[in-house]
All heavy atoms as atom14 arrays in JSON, in Angstrom:
{
  "sequence": "GSLRLSCVAEILDLPDYTVAWFRQAPGKEREGVIAVTRD",
  "atom14_mask": [
    [1, 1, 1, 1, 0, 0, 0, 0, 0, 0, 0, 0, 0, 0],
    [1, 1, 1, 1, 1, 1, 0, 0, 0, 0, 0, 0, 0, 0],
    [1, 1, 1, 1, 1, 1, 1, 1, 0, 0, 0, 0, 0, 0],
    [1, 1, 1, 1, 1, 1, 1, 1, 1, 1, 1, 0, 0, 0],
    [1, 1, 1, 1, 1, 1, 1, 1, 0, 0, 0, 0, 0, 0],
    [1, 1, 1, 1, 1, 1, 0, 0, 0, 0, 0, 0, 0, 0],
    [1, 1, 1, 1, 1, 1, 0, 0, 0, 0, 0, 0, 0, 0],
    [1, 1, 1, 1, 1, 1, 1, 0, 0, 0, 0, 0, 0, 0],
    [1, 1, 1, 1, 1, 0, 0, 0, 0, 0, 0, 0, 0, 0],
    [1, 1, 1, 1, 1, 1, 1, 1, 1, 0, 0, 0, 0, 0],
    [1, 1, 1, 1, 1, 1, 1, 1, 0, 0, 0, 0, 0, 0],
    [1, 1, 1, 1, 1, 1, 1, 1, 0, 0, 0, 0, 0, 0],
    [1, 1, 1, 1, 1, 1, 1, 1, 0, 0, 0, 0, 0, 0],
    [1, 1, 1, 1, 1, 1, 1, 1, 0, 0, 0, 0, 0, 0],
    [1, 1, 1, 1, 1, 1, 1, 0, 0, 0, 0, 0, 0, 0],
    [1, 1, 1, 1, 1, 1, 1, 1, 0, 0, 0, 0, 0, 0],
    [1, 1, 1, 1, 1, 1, 1, 1, 1, 1, 1, 1, 0, 0],
    [1, 1, 1, 1, 1, 1, 1, 0, 0, 0, 0, 0, 0, 0],
    [1, 1, 1, 1, 1, 1, 1, 0, 0, 0, 0, 0, 0, 0],
    [1, 1, 1, 1, 1, 0, 0, 0, 0, 0, 0, 0, 0, 0],
    [1, 1, 1, 1, 1, 1, 1, 1, 1, 1, 1, 1, 1, 1],
    [1, 1, 1, 1, 1, 1, 1, 1, 1, 1, 1, 0, 0, 0],
    [1, 1, 1, 1, 1, 1, 1, 1, 1, 1, 1, 0, 0, 0],
    [1, 1, 1, 1, 1, 1, 1, 1, 1, 0, 0, 0, 0, 0],
    [1, 1, 1, 1, 1, 0, 0, 0, 0, 0, 0, 0, 0, 0],
    [1, 1, 1, 1, 1, 1, 1, 0, 0, 0, 0, 0, 0, 0],
    [1, 1, 1, 1, 0, 0, 0, 0, 0, 0, 0, 0, 0, 0],
    [1, 1, 1, 1, 1, 1, 1, 1, 1, 0, 0, 0, 0, 0],
    [1, 1, 1, 1, 1, 1, 1, 1, 1, 0, 0, 0, 0, 0],
    [1, 1, 1, 1, 1, 1, 1, 1, 1, 1, 1, 0, 0, 0],
    [1, 1, 1, 1, 1, 1, 1, 1, 1, 0, 0, 0, 0, 0],
    [1, 1, 1, 1, 0, 0, 0, 0, 0, 0, 0, 0, 0, 0],
    [1, 1, 1, 1, 1, 1, 1, 0, 0, 0, 0, 0, 0, 0],
    [1, 1, 1, 1, 1, 1, 1, 1, 0, 0, 0, 0, 0, 0],
    [1, 1, 1, 1, 1, 0, 0, 0, 0, 0, 0, 0, 0, 0],
    [1, 1, 1, 1, 1, 1, 1, 0, 0, 0, 0, 0, 0, 0],
    [1, 1, 1, 1, 1, 1, 1, 0, 0, 0, 0, 0, 0, 0],
    [1, 1, 1, 1, 1, 1, 1, 1, 1, 1, 1, 0, 0, 0],
    [1, 1, 1, 1, 1, 1, 1, 1, 0, 0, 0, 0, 0, 0]
  ],
  "atom14_positions": [
    [[-4.99, 121.65, 142.72], [-6.33, 121.93, 142.34], [-6.73, 123.26, 142.41], [-6.05, 124.18, 142.76], [0.0, 0.0, 0.0], [0.0, 0.0, 0.0], [0.0, 0.0, 0.0], [0.0, 0.0, 0.0], [0.0, 0.0, 0.0], [0.0, 0.0, 0.0], [0.0, 0.0, 0.0], [0.0, 0.0, 0.0], [0.0, 0.0, 0.0], [0.0, 0.0, 0.0]],
    [[-7.98, 123.52, 142.02], [-8.58, 124.93, 141.97], [-9.74, 124.95, 142.73], [-10.55, 123.93, 142.92], [-8.87, 125.29, 140.5], [-7.68, 125.33, 139.7], [0.0, 0.0, 0.0], [0.0, 0.0, 0.0], [0.0, 0.0, 0.0], [0.0, 0.0, 0.0], [0.0, 0.0, 0.0], [0.0, 0.0, 0.0], [0.0, 0.0, 0.0], [0.0, 0.0, 0.0]],
    [[-10.21, 126.18, 143.12], [-11.45, 126.47, 143.95], [-11.78, 127.82, 143.71], [-10.95, 128.65, 143.57], [-11.14, 126.14, 145.39], [-12.39, 126.01, 146.36], [-13.27, 124.67, 145.92], [-11.93, 125.93, 147.77], [0.0, 0.0, 0.0], [0.0, 0.0, 0.0], [0.0, 0.0, 0.0], [0.0, 0.0, 0.0], [0.0, 0.0, 0.0], [0.0, 0.0, 0.0]],
    [[-13.15, 128.06, 143.68], [-13.6, 129.39, 143.64], [-14.61, 129.71, 144.75], [-15.53, 128.93, 145.06], [-14.51, 129.6, 142.24], [-15.14, 130.95, 142.09], [-15.69, 131.14, 140.71], [-14.61, 131.28, 139.79], [-14.83, 131.89, 138.56], [-16.02, 132.33, 138.19], [-13.88, 131.93, 137.66], [0.0, 0.0, 0.0], [0.0, 0.0, 0.0], [0.0, 0.0, 0.0]],
    [[-14.15, 130.76, 145.5], [-15.05, 131.19, 146.59], [-15.92, 132.39, 146.19], [-15.6, 133.12, 145.21], [-14.19, 131.67, 147.84], [-13.11, 130.67, 148.11], [-12.35, 131.23, 149.46], [-13.8, 129.31, 148.57], [0.0, 0.0, 0.0], [0.0, 0.0, 0.0], [0.0, 0.0, 0.0], [0.0, 0.0, 0.0], [0.0, 0.0, 0.0], [0.0, 0.0, 0.0]],
    [[-17.16, 132.36, 146.81], [-18.1, 133.45, 146.33], [-18.39, 134.36, 147.58], [-18.44, 133.86, 148.71], [-19.44, 132.77, 146.0], [-20.45, 133.74, 145.7], [0.0, 0.0, 0.0], [0.0, 0.0, 0.0], [0.0, 0.0, 0.0], [0.0, 0.0, 0.0], [0.0, 0.0, 0.0], [0.0, 0.0, 0.0], [0.0, 0.0, 0.0], [0.0, 0.0, 0.0]],
    [[-18.51, 135.58, 147.37], [-18.75, 136.49, 148.28], [-19.95, 137.49, 147.74], [-19.77, 138.19, 146.91], [-17.63, 137.42, 148.61], [-17.9, 138.87, 149.77], [0.0, 0.0, 0.0], [0.0, 0.0, 0.0], [0.0, 0.0, 0.0], [0.0, 0.0, 0.0], [0.0, 0.0, 0.0], [0.0, 0.0, 0.0], [0.0, 0.0, 0.0], [0.0, 0.0, 0.0]],
    [[-21.01, 137.36, 148.37], [-22.32, 138.05, 147.97], [-22.54, 139.15, 149.04], [-22.68, 138.84, 150.28], [-23.45, 137.13, 147.84], [-24.68, 138.01, 147.29], [-23.17, 136.16, 146.7], [0.0, 0.0, 0.0], [0.0, 0.0, 0.0], [0.0, 0.0, 0.0], [0.0, 0.0, 0.0], [0.0, 0.0, 0.0], [0.0, 0.0, 0.0], [0.0, 0.0, 0.0]],
    [[-22.73, 140.47, 148.73], [-22.95, 141.44, 149.58], [-24.56, 141.61, 149.85], [-25.36, 141.46, 148.98], [-22.43, 142.75, 148.98], [0.0, 0.0, 0.0], [0.0, 0.0, 0.0], [0.0, 0.0, 0.0], [0.0, 0.0, 0.0], [0.0, 0.0, 0.0], [0.0, 0.0, 0.0], [0.0, 0.0, 0.0], [0.0, 0.0, 0.0], [0.0, 0.0, 0.0]],
    [[-24.82, 141.9, 151.08], [-26.19, 142.19, 151.53], [-26.24, 143.69, 151.87], [-25.53, 144.18, 152.59], [-26.52, 141.42, 152.71], [-26.51, 139.91, 152.54], [-26.78, 139.15, 153.76], [-26.83, 139.7, 154.93], [-27.17, 137.94, 153.74], [0.0, 0.0, 0.0], [0.0, 0.0, 0.0], [0.0, 0.0, 0.0], [0.0, 0.0, 0.0], [0.0, 0.0, 0.0]],
    [[-27.26, 144.29, 151.2], [-27.64, 145.83, 151.39], [-26.56, 146.67, 150.61], [-26.98, 147.54, 149.94], [-27.73, 146.09, 152.86], [-28.91, 145.17, 153.42], [-28.03, 147.61, 153.05], [-29.14, 145.51, 154.95], [0.0, 0.0, 0.0], [0.0, 0.0, 0.0], [0.0, 0.0, 0.0], [0.0, 0.0, 0.0], [0.0, 0.0, 0.0], [0.0, 0.0, 0.0]],
    [[-25.35, 146.53, 151.03], [-24.34, 147.47, 150.49], [-24.13, 147.18, 149.02], [-24.31, 146.02, 148.62], [-23.0, 147.3, 151.29], [-22.31, 146.03, 151.38], [-21.47, 145.9, 150.14], [-21.52, 145.97, 152.57], [0.0, 0.0, 0.0], [0.0, 0.0, 0.0], [0.0, 0.0, 0.0], [0.0, 0.0, 0.0], [0.0, 0.0, 0.0], [0.0, 0.0, 0.0]],
    [[-23.68, 148.19, 148.28], [-23.41, 148.18, 146.95], [-21.93, 147.76, 146.65], [-21.09, 148.7, 146.61], [-23.85, 149.38, 146.04], [-25.35, 149.75, 146.3], [-26.15, 148.75, 146.13], [-25.78, 150.88, 146.34], [0.0, 0.0, 0.0], [0.0, 0.0, 0.0], [0.0, 0.0, 0.0], [0.0, 0.0, 0.0], [0.0, 0.0, 0.0], [0.0, 0.0, 0.0]],
    [[-21.62, 146.53, 146.45], [-20.3, 146.1, 146.34], [-19.45, 146.76, 145.25], [-18.18, 146.94, 145.54], [-20.26, 144.57, 146.18], [-18.93, 143.87, 146.55], [-18.65, 144.2, 148.05], [-19.07, 142.4, 146.31], [0.0, 0.0, 0.0], [0.0, 0.0, 0.0], [0.0, 0.0, 0.0], [0.0, 0.0, 0.0], [0.0, 0.0, 0.0], [0.0, 0.0, 0.0]],
    [[-19.99, 147.13, 144.13], [-19.22, 147.93, 143.1], [-18.55, 149.22, 143.6], [-17.61, 149.66, 143.12], [-20.16, 148.27, 142.03], [-21.2, 147.14, 142.08], [-21.38, 146.78, 143.64], [0.0, 0.0, 0.0], [0.0, 0.0, 0.0], [0.0, 0.0, 0.0], [0.0, 0.0, 0.0], [0.0, 0.0, 0.0], [0.0, 0.0, 0.0], [0.0, 0.0, 0.0]],
    [[-19.03, 149.68, 144.71], [-18.56, 151.0, 145.25], [-17.54, 150.79, 146.45], [-17.06, 151.61, 147.03], [-19.66, 151.89, 145.85], [-20.63, 152.25, 144.79], [-20.14, 152.54, 143.6], [-21.76, 152.49, 145.08], [0.0, 0.0, 0.0], [0.0, 0.0, 0.0], [0.0, 0.0, 0.0], [0.0, 0.0, 0.0], [0.0, 0.0, 0.0], [0.0, 0.0, 0.0]],
    [[-17.19, 149.37, 146.72], [-16.32, 149.04, 147.74], [-15.12, 148.44, 147.24], [-14.93, 147.64, 146.17], [-17.14, 148.17, 148.62], [-18.14, 148.79, 149.55], [-19.31, 149.17, 148.97], [-18.01, 149.04, 150.93], [-20.24, 149.76, 149.7], [-18.93, 149.59, 151.64], [-20.09, 150.01, 151.06], [-21.03, 150.61, 151.75], [0.0, 0.0, 0.0], [0.0, 0.0, 0.0]],
    [[-14.02, 148.66, 148.01], [-12.75, 147.84, 147.87], [-13.09, 146.45, 148.5], [-13.78, 146.25, 149.47], [-11.59, 148.48, 148.73], [-11.25, 149.56, 148.05], [-10.46, 147.46, 148.63], [0.0, 0.0, 0.0], [0.0, 0.0, 0.0], [0.0, 0.0, 0.0], [0.0, 0.0, 0.0], [0.0, 0.0, 0.0], [0.0, 0.0, 0.0], [0.0, 0.0, 0.0]],
    [[-12.65, 145.38, 147.71], [-12.91, 144.02, 148.08], [-11.72, 143.34, 148.51], [-10.74, 143.52, 147.77], [-13.78, 143.2, 147.04], [-13.89, 141.81, 147.37], [-15.06, 143.92, 146.76], [0.0, 0.0, 0.0], [0.0, 0.0, 0.0], [0.0, 0.0, 0.0], [0.0, 0.0, 0.0], [0.0, 0.0, 0.0], [0.0, 0.0, 0.0], [0.0, 0.0, 0.0]],
    [[-11.65, 142.51, 149.47], [-10.42, 141.94, 149.85], [-10.89, 140.49, 150.48], [-11.89, 140.23, 150.83], [-9.67, 142.55, 151.0], [0.0, 0.0, 0.0], [0.0, 0.0, 0.0], [0.0, 0.0, 0.0], [0.0, 0.0, 0.0], [0.0, 0.0, 0.0], [0.0, 0.0, 0.0], [0.0, 0.0, 0.0], [0.0, 0.0, 0.0], [0.0, 0.0, 0.0]],
    [[-9.87, 139.54, 150.38], [-9.92, 138.27, 150.94], [-8.92, 138.03, 152.04], [-7.76, 138.41, 151.71], [-9.88, 137.13, 149.99], [-11.16, 137.07, 149.06], [-11.59, 137.78, 148.04], [-12.28, 136.17, 149.43], [-12.58, 137.41, 147.38], [-13.16, 136.43, 148.37], [-12.53, 135.26, 150.33], [-14.52, 135.75, 148.3], [-13.85, 134.6, 150.26], [-14.69, 134.83, 149.3]],
    [[-9.26, 137.68, 153.19], [-8.25, 137.28, 154.19], [-8.3, 135.73, 154.47], [-9.37, 135.1, 154.24], [-8.56, 138.06, 155.47], [-8.34, 139.57, 155.35], [-9.14, 140.43, 154.71], [-7.27, 140.08, 155.97], [-8.88, 141.71, 154.61], [-6.93, 141.43, 155.97], [-7.89, 142.32, 155.21], [0.0, 0.0, 0.0], [0.0, 0.0, 0.0], [0.0, 0.0, 0.0]],
    [[-7.45, 135.32, 155.13], [-7.3, 133.8, 155.67], [-6.53, 133.69, 156.98], [-5.74, 134.45, 157.29], [-6.75, 132.99, 154.52], [-5.13, 133.06, 154.47], [-4.64, 132.25, 153.23], [-3.2, 132.42, 153.09], [-2.62, 131.98, 151.92], [-3.22, 131.39, 151.03], [-1.3, 132.21, 151.86], [0.0, 0.0, 0.0], [0.0, 0.0, 0.0], [0.0, 0.0, 0.0]],
    [[-7.01, 132.71, 157.66], [-6.48, 132.44, 159.02], [-6.16, 131.02, 159.04], [-7.19, 130.2, 159.15], [-7.33, 133.01, 160.11], [-6.76, 132.86, 161.49], [-7.63, 133.54, 162.53], [-8.78, 133.89, 162.38], [-6.97, 133.87, 163.65], [0.0, 0.0, 0.0], [0.0, 0.0, 0.0], [0.0, 0.0, 0.0], [0.0, 0.0, 0.0], [0.0, 0.0, 0.0]],
    [[-4.93, 130.73, 159.17], [-4.44, 129.22, 159.42], [-4.5, 128.88, 160.88], [-4.4, 129.87, 161.71], [-3.01, 129.09, 158.8], [0.0, 0.0, 0.0], [0.0, 0.0, 0.0], [0.0, 0.0, 0.0], [0.0, 0.0, 0.0], [0.0, 0.0, 0.0], [0.0, 0.0, 0.0], [0.0, 0.0, 0.0], [0.0, 0.0, 0.0], [0.0, 0.0, 0.0]],
    [[-4.64, 127.67, 161.27], [-4.69, 127.34, 162.56], [-3.48, 127.82, 163.38], [-2.34, 127.59, 163.04], [-4.66, 125.76, 162.55], [-5.35, 125.46, 161.16], [-4.79, 126.59, 160.36], [0.0, 0.0, 0.0], [0.0, 0.0, 0.0], [0.0, 0.0, 0.0], [0.0, 0.0, 0.0], [0.0, 0.0, 0.0], [0.0, 0.0, 0.0], [0.0, 0.0, 0.0]],
    [[-3.68, 128.55, 164.48], [-2.54, 129.01, 165.19], [-1.82, 130.23, 164.64], [-0.91, 130.76, 165.28], [0.0, 0.0, 0.0], [0.0, 0.0, 0.0], [0.0, 0.0, 0.0], [0.0, 0.0, 0.0], [0.0, 0.0, 0.0], [0.0, 0.0, 0.0], [0.0, 0.0, 0.0], [0.0, 0.0, 0.0], [0.0, 0.0, 0.0], [0.0, 0.0, 0.0]],
    [[-2.41, 130.74, 163.65], [-1.8, 132.0, 162.93], [-2.8, 133.31, 162.96], [-4.02, 132.98, 163.26], [-1.44, 131.61, 161.54], [-0.58, 130.47, 161.32], [0.8, 130.79, 161.94], [1.85, 129.76, 161.61], [3.13, 129.86, 162.19], [0.0, 0.0, 0.0], [0.0, 0.0, 0.0], [0.0, 0.0, 0.0], [0.0, 0.0, 0.0], [0.0, 0.0, 0.0]],
    [[-2.23, 134.41, 162.79], [-3.05, 135.52, 162.7], [-3.74, 135.65, 161.45], [-3.2, 135.04, 160.39], [-2.16, 136.69, 162.99], [-1.51, 136.86, 164.31], [-0.63, 138.07, 164.42], [-0.34, 138.82, 163.5], [-0.22, 138.46, 165.59], [0.0, 0.0, 0.0], [0.0, 0.0, 0.0], [0.0, 0.0, 0.0], [0.0, 0.0, 0.0], [0.0, 0.0, 0.0]],
    [[-4.8, 136.39, 161.42], [-5.43, 136.61, 160.03], [-4.6, 137.44, 159.19], [-4.04, 138.38, 159.78], [-6.86, 137.25, 160.4], [-7.57, 137.41, 159.14], [-9.05, 138.11, 159.42], [-9.77, 137.28, 160.45], [-10.97, 137.61, 160.82], [-11.64, 138.78, 160.35], [-11.55, 136.87, 161.72], [0.0, 0.0, 0.0], [0.0, 0.0, 0.0], [0.0, 0.0, 0.0]],
    [[-4.47, 137.01, 157.86], [-3.66, 137.76, 157.07], [-4.36, 138.19, 155.75], [-5.2, 137.33, 155.23], [-2.3, 137.03, 156.66], [-2.63, 135.65, 156.02], [-1.36, 135.08, 155.37], [-0.21, 135.72, 155.44], [-1.54, 133.87, 154.96], [0.0, 0.0, 0.0], [0.0, 0.0, 0.0], [0.0, 0.0, 0.0], [0.0, 0.0, 0.0], [0.0, 0.0, 0.0]],
    [[-4.05, 139.31, 155.17], [-4.61, 139.62, 153.92], [-4.1, 138.88, 152.85], [-2.83, 138.63, 152.83], [0.0, 0.0, 0.0], [0.0, 0.0, 0.0], [0.0, 0.0, 0.0], [0.0, 0.0, 0.0], [0.0, 0.0, 0.0], [0.0, 0.0, 0.0], [0.0, 0.0, 0.0], [0.0, 0.0, 0.0], [0.0, 0.0, 0.0], [0.0, 0.0, 0.0]],
    [[-4.73, 138.36, 151.9], [-4.39, 137.56, 150.87], [-4.39, 138.3, 149.46], [-3.47, 138.35, 148.75], [-5.23, 136.33, 150.66], [-4.79, 135.44, 149.45], [-5.21, 135.46, 152.02], [0.0, 0.0, 0.0], [0.0, 0.0, 0.0], [0.0, 0.0, 0.0], [0.0, 0.0, 0.0], [0.0, 0.0, 0.0], [0.0, 0.0, 0.0], [0.0, 0.0, 0.0]],
    [[-5.52, 139.03, 149.2], [-5.65, 139.78, 147.97], [-6.7, 140.87, 148.21], [-7.59, 140.58, 148.92], [-5.93, 138.84, 146.77], [-5.96, 139.58, 145.4], [-7.25, 138.16, 147.11], [-6.12, 138.75, 144.22], [0.0, 0.0, 0.0], [0.0, 0.0, 0.0], [0.0, 0.0, 0.0], [0.0, 0.0, 0.0], [0.0, 0.0, 0.0], [0.0, 0.0, 0.0]],
    [[-6.52, 141.94, 147.5], [-7.5, 143.03, 147.57], [-7.39, 143.86, 146.27], [-6.44, 143.92, 145.63], [-7.15, 143.97, 148.73], [0.0, 0.0, 0.0], [0.0, 0.0, 0.0], [0.0, 0.0, 0.0], [0.0, 0.0, 0.0], [0.0, 0.0, 0.0], [0.0, 0.0, 0.0], [0.0, 0.0, 0.0], [0.0, 0.0, 0.0], [0.0, 0.0, 0.0]],
    [[-8.6, 144.25, 145.91], [-8.84, 145.06, 144.6], [-9.63, 146.34, 145.03], [-10.74, 146.19, 145.65], [-9.52, 144.26, 143.54], [-9.75, 145.08, 142.26], [-8.72, 142.85, 143.3], [0.0, 0.0, 0.0], [0.0, 0.0, 0.0], [0.0, 0.0, 0.0], [0.0, 0.0, 0.0], [0.0, 0.0, 0.0], [0.0, 0.0, 0.0], [0.0, 0.0, 0.0]],
    [[-9.13, 147.46, 144.55], [-9.96, 148.74, 144.74], [-11.13, 148.77, 143.97], [-11.24, 147.9, 142.99], [-9.0, 149.92, 144.44], [-8.53, 149.78, 143.23], [-7.76, 149.95, 145.42], [0.0, 0.0, 0.0], [0.0, 0.0, 0.0], [0.0, 0.0, 0.0], [0.0, 0.0, 0.0], [0.0, 0.0, 0.0], [0.0, 0.0, 0.0], [0.0, 0.0, 0.0]],
    [[-12.01, 149.58, 144.2], [-13.33, 149.61, 143.53], [-13.18, 149.95, 142.09], [-13.93, 149.56, 141.24], [-14.28, 150.57, 144.21], [-13.87, 151.92, 144.29], [-14.89, 152.76, 144.99], [-14.68, 154.26, 144.83], [-15.43, 155.11, 145.51], [-16.49, 154.8, 146.27], [-15.16, 156.54, 145.28], [0.0, 0.0, 0.0], [0.0, 0.0, 0.0], [0.0, 0.0, 0.0]],
    [[-12.18, 150.86, 141.79], [-11.88, 151.06, 140.4], [-10.89, 150.15, 139.72], [-10.64, 150.35, 138.54], [-11.29, 152.63, 140.24], [-12.32, 153.6, 140.68], [-13.49, 153.48, 140.49], [-11.91, 154.64, 141.21], [0.0, 0.0, 0.0], [0.0, 0.0, 0.0], [0.0, 0.0, 0.0], [0.0, 0.0, 0.0], [0.0, 0.0, 0.0], [0.0, 0.0, 0.0]]
  ]
}
């Protein structure tokens, strides 16, 4: 299946920021999944 997660920024201007998603499975360390630079 498919799923879309939303991330809305408060105060900061998200277009000027690198954005990334991390995930943490049970018993595992947090890991980076995907990241996109601001440009």
